[in-house]
N, C-alpha and C. Protein backbone atom coordinates (compact mmCIF):
# COMPACT_ATOMS: atom_id res chain seq x y z
N UNK A 1 94.83 105.01 61.77
CA UNK A 1 94.26 103.70 61.87
C UNK A 1 93.23 103.72 62.99
N UNK A 2 92.11 103.08 62.74
CA UNK A 2 91.08 102.94 63.76
C UNK A 2 90.71 101.47 63.82
N UNK A 3 90.79 100.90 65.00
CA UNK A 3 90.47 99.50 65.19
C UNK A 3 89.50 99.39 66.36
N UNK A 4 88.40 98.69 66.12
CA UNK A 4 87.44 98.43 67.18
C UNK A 4 87.51 96.95 67.51
N UNK A 5 87.52 96.64 68.80
CA UNK A 5 87.62 95.25 69.21
C UNK A 5 86.59 94.93 70.29
N UNK A 6 86.31 93.66 70.42
CA UNK A 6 85.52 93.14 71.53
C UNK A 6 86.28 91.95 72.08
N UNK A 7 86.10 91.70 73.35
CA UNK A 7 86.73 90.55 73.98
C UNK A 7 85.71 89.43 74.12
N UNK A 8 86.12 88.23 73.74
CA UNK A 8 85.26 87.08 73.94
C UNK A 8 85.72 86.39 75.22
N UNK A 9 84.81 86.32 76.19
CA UNK A 9 85.08 85.66 77.46
C UNK A 9 83.95 84.67 77.72
N UNK A 10 84.21 83.70 78.55
CA UNK A 10 83.19 82.69 78.90
C UNK A 10 82.85 82.83 80.38
N UNK A 11 81.59 83.06 80.65
CA UNK A 11 81.11 83.11 82.03
C UNK A 11 81.13 84.50 82.63
N UNK A 12 80.24 84.68 83.58
CA UNK A 12 80.09 85.97 84.24
C UNK A 12 81.32 86.34 85.07
N UNK A 13 81.94 85.35 85.70
CA UNK A 13 83.14 85.64 86.50
C UNK A 13 84.27 86.19 85.64
N UNK A 14 84.50 85.57 84.48
CA UNK A 14 85.54 86.06 83.58
C UNK A 14 85.19 87.43 83.02
N UNK A 15 83.91 87.66 82.78
CA UNK A 15 83.49 88.98 82.29
C UNK A 15 83.81 90.07 83.31
N UNK A 16 83.53 89.78 84.58
CA UNK A 16 83.82 90.76 85.63
C UNK A 16 85.33 90.99 85.78
N UNK A 17 86.13 89.92 85.69
CA UNK A 17 87.57 90.09 85.76
C UNK A 17 88.09 90.95 84.61
N UNK A 18 87.58 90.69 83.41
CA UNK A 18 87.99 91.48 82.25
C UNK A 18 87.60 92.94 82.42
N UNK A 19 86.40 93.19 82.91
CA UNK A 19 85.94 94.57 83.12
C UNK A 19 86.83 95.29 84.14
N UNK A 20 87.25 94.56 85.16
CA UNK A 20 88.08 95.16 86.20
C UNK A 20 89.44 95.60 85.64
N UNK A 21 89.91 94.90 84.63
CA UNK A 21 91.24 95.17 84.08
C UNK A 21 91.21 95.87 82.71
N UNK A 22 90.12 96.53 82.39
CA UNK A 22 90.00 97.22 81.09
C UNK A 22 91.15 98.18 80.83
N UNK A 23 91.59 99.00 81.78
CA UNK A 23 92.71 99.91 81.47
C UNK A 23 93.98 99.16 81.05
N UNK A 24 94.28 98.06 81.71
CA UNK A 24 95.46 97.28 81.35
C UNK A 24 95.27 96.62 79.98
N UNK A 25 94.09 96.13 79.71
CA UNK A 25 93.80 95.51 78.42
C UNK A 25 93.92 96.54 77.30
N UNK A 26 93.34 97.72 77.51
CA UNK A 26 93.43 98.78 76.49
C UNK A 26 94.88 99.17 76.24
N UNK A 27 95.66 99.30 77.30
CA UNK A 27 97.07 99.64 77.15
C UNK A 27 97.83 98.59 76.36
N UNK A 28 97.54 97.34 76.64
CA UNK A 28 98.18 96.23 75.92
C UNK A 28 97.81 96.26 74.44
N UNK A 29 96.53 96.47 74.16
CA UNK A 29 96.09 96.53 72.77
C UNK A 29 96.72 97.71 72.04
N UNK A 30 96.83 98.85 72.70
CA UNK A 30 97.46 100.01 72.08
C UNK A 30 98.91 99.72 71.73
N UNK A 31 99.62 99.02 72.61
CA UNK A 31 101.01 98.67 72.33
C UNK A 31 101.10 97.75 71.11
N UNK A 32 100.24 96.76 71.05
CA UNK A 32 100.25 95.83 69.92
C UNK A 32 99.93 96.56 68.63
N UNK A 33 98.89 97.38 68.66
CA UNK A 33 98.46 98.06 67.43
C UNK A 33 99.48 99.10 66.97
N UNK A 34 100.08 99.81 67.91
CA UNK A 34 101.03 100.85 67.52
C UNK A 34 102.34 100.26 67.00
N UNK A 35 102.63 99.02 67.35
CA UNK A 35 103.84 98.36 66.86
C UNK A 35 103.63 97.72 65.49
N UNK A 36 102.42 97.80 64.98
CA UNK A 36 102.09 97.15 63.70
C UNK A 36 102.47 98.04 62.53
N UNK A 37 102.82 97.40 61.44
CA UNK A 37 103.18 98.08 60.21
C UNK A 37 101.94 98.23 59.32
N UNK A 38 101.63 99.44 58.90
CA UNK A 38 100.43 99.69 58.10
C UNK A 38 100.43 98.90 56.80
N UNK A 39 101.60 98.70 56.21
CA UNK A 39 101.68 97.94 54.96
C UNK A 39 101.25 96.49 55.16
N UNK A 40 101.56 95.93 56.32
CA UNK A 40 101.16 94.56 56.61
C UNK A 40 99.66 94.45 56.88
N UNK A 41 99.08 95.51 57.41
CA UNK A 41 97.68 95.46 57.82
C UNK A 41 96.70 95.58 56.66
N UNK A 42 97.17 95.89 55.47
CA UNK A 42 96.27 95.96 54.33
C UNK A 42 96.03 94.58 53.73
N UNK A 43 96.77 93.58 54.19
CA UNK A 43 96.58 92.21 53.70
C UNK A 43 95.76 91.41 54.71
N UNK A 44 95.08 90.39 54.22
CA UNK A 44 94.30 89.54 55.12
C UNK A 44 95.20 88.80 56.11
N UNK A 45 96.36 88.36 55.63
CA UNK A 45 97.31 87.67 56.50
C UNK A 45 97.77 88.59 57.62
N UNK A 46 98.06 89.83 57.29
CA UNK A 46 98.49 90.80 58.29
C UNK A 46 97.42 91.07 59.34
N UNK A 47 96.18 91.12 58.92
CA UNK A 47 95.07 91.33 59.86
C UNK A 47 94.92 90.15 60.80
N UNK A 48 95.03 88.95 60.27
CA UNK A 48 94.93 87.75 61.10
C UNK A 48 96.08 87.70 62.11
N UNK A 49 97.28 88.01 61.66
CA UNK A 49 98.44 88.03 62.56
C UNK A 49 98.26 89.07 63.67
N UNK A 50 97.72 90.23 63.32
CA UNK A 50 97.46 91.27 64.31
C UNK A 50 96.47 90.77 65.37
N UNK A 51 95.40 90.14 64.92
CA UNK A 51 94.39 89.60 65.84
C UNK A 51 95.00 88.54 66.76
N UNK A 52 95.81 87.67 66.19
CA UNK A 52 96.45 86.61 66.98
C UNK A 52 97.44 87.19 67.99
N UNK A 53 98.20 88.19 67.56
CA UNK A 53 99.16 88.84 68.46
C UNK A 53 98.43 89.55 69.59
N UNK A 54 97.33 90.24 69.25
CA UNK A 54 96.55 90.96 70.27
C UNK A 54 95.96 89.97 71.28
N UNK A 55 95.44 88.85 70.79
CA UNK A 55 94.87 87.84 71.68
C UNK A 55 95.95 87.28 72.60
N UNK A 56 97.10 86.94 72.05
CA UNK A 56 98.19 86.37 72.85
C UNK A 56 98.66 87.35 73.93
N UNK A 57 98.81 88.61 73.57
CA UNK A 57 99.28 89.60 74.54
C UNK A 57 98.26 89.85 75.64
N UNK A 58 96.99 89.95 75.29
CA UNK A 58 95.96 90.17 76.30
C UNK A 58 95.86 88.96 77.22
N UNK A 59 95.92 87.76 76.66
CA UNK A 59 95.91 86.55 77.50
C UNK A 59 97.09 86.55 78.48
N UNK A 60 98.26 86.91 78.00
CA UNK A 60 99.45 86.93 78.85
C UNK A 60 99.27 87.91 79.99
N UNK A 61 98.79 89.11 79.69
CA UNK A 61 98.60 90.13 80.73
C UNK A 61 97.57 89.66 81.75
N UNK A 62 96.48 89.08 81.29
CA UNK A 62 95.45 88.62 82.21
C UNK A 62 95.96 87.47 83.07
N UNK A 63 96.77 86.61 82.51
CA UNK A 63 97.35 85.50 83.28
C UNK A 63 98.29 86.05 84.34
N UNK A 64 99.07 87.06 84.00
CA UNK A 64 99.98 87.67 84.97
C UNK A 64 99.21 88.36 86.10
N UNK A 65 98.06 88.95 85.78
CA UNK A 65 97.28 89.67 86.79
C UNK A 65 96.49 88.75 87.69
N UNK A 66 95.83 87.75 87.10
CA UNK A 66 94.91 86.91 87.87
C UNK A 66 95.23 85.42 87.82
N UNK A 67 96.28 85.04 87.12
CA UNK A 67 96.66 83.63 86.98
C UNK A 67 95.51 82.78 86.43
N UNK A 68 94.69 83.38 85.60
CA UNK A 68 93.55 82.68 85.01
C UNK A 68 93.50 82.91 83.51
N UNK A 69 92.87 81.97 82.81
CA UNK A 69 92.62 82.13 81.37
C UNK A 69 91.26 82.82 81.24
N UNK A 70 91.26 84.13 81.13
CA UNK A 70 90.03 84.92 81.16
C UNK A 70 89.52 85.20 79.75
N UNK A 71 90.38 85.65 78.87
CA UNK A 71 89.99 86.08 77.52
C UNK A 71 90.20 84.94 76.53
N UNK A 72 89.12 84.57 75.85
CA UNK A 72 89.21 83.53 74.81
C UNK A 72 89.84 84.10 73.54
N UNK A 73 89.32 85.25 73.11
CA UNK A 73 89.80 85.86 71.87
C UNK A 73 89.58 87.36 71.90
N UNK A 74 90.42 88.05 71.13
CA UNK A 74 90.19 89.46 70.82
C UNK A 74 89.58 89.46 69.43
N UNK A 75 88.36 89.96 69.33
CA UNK A 75 87.64 89.98 68.07
C UNK A 75 87.72 91.39 67.47
N UNK A 76 88.20 91.50 66.26
CA UNK A 76 88.26 92.79 65.57
C UNK A 76 86.92 93.01 64.90
N UNK A 77 86.19 94.02 65.38
CA UNK A 77 84.83 94.29 64.87
C UNK A 77 84.80 95.47 63.92
N UNK A 78 85.86 96.26 63.89
CA UNK A 78 85.95 97.38 62.97
C UNK A 78 87.41 97.67 62.67
N UNK A 79 87.69 97.95 61.41
CA UNK A 79 89.09 98.17 61.01
C UNK A 79 89.10 99.19 59.89
N UNK A 80 89.83 100.30 60.12
CA UNK A 80 89.88 101.37 59.13
C UNK A 80 91.28 101.97 59.12
N UNK A 81 91.88 101.99 57.92
CA UNK A 81 93.18 102.64 57.75
C UNK A 81 92.99 103.83 56.84
N UNK A 82 93.45 104.98 57.28
CA UNK A 82 93.27 106.21 56.50
C UNK A 82 94.56 106.58 55.83
């Protein structure tokens, strides 16, 4: 599975905070993606749930690190299952 994502943030301050925590964000996304079932990801509903789960987990991690709402959404820009 190959998934490409972008983070939607608002404002330069939030962008800098997100950049500072890229390793933690990547680790969180890897955990979410690796826990996903490939059979679920071939459906549109499964893809939407994955995106929502990834957004929720990244928001939680960022809130724990900086006590701020930094990431608006995790946007899936590329998705490939082999």
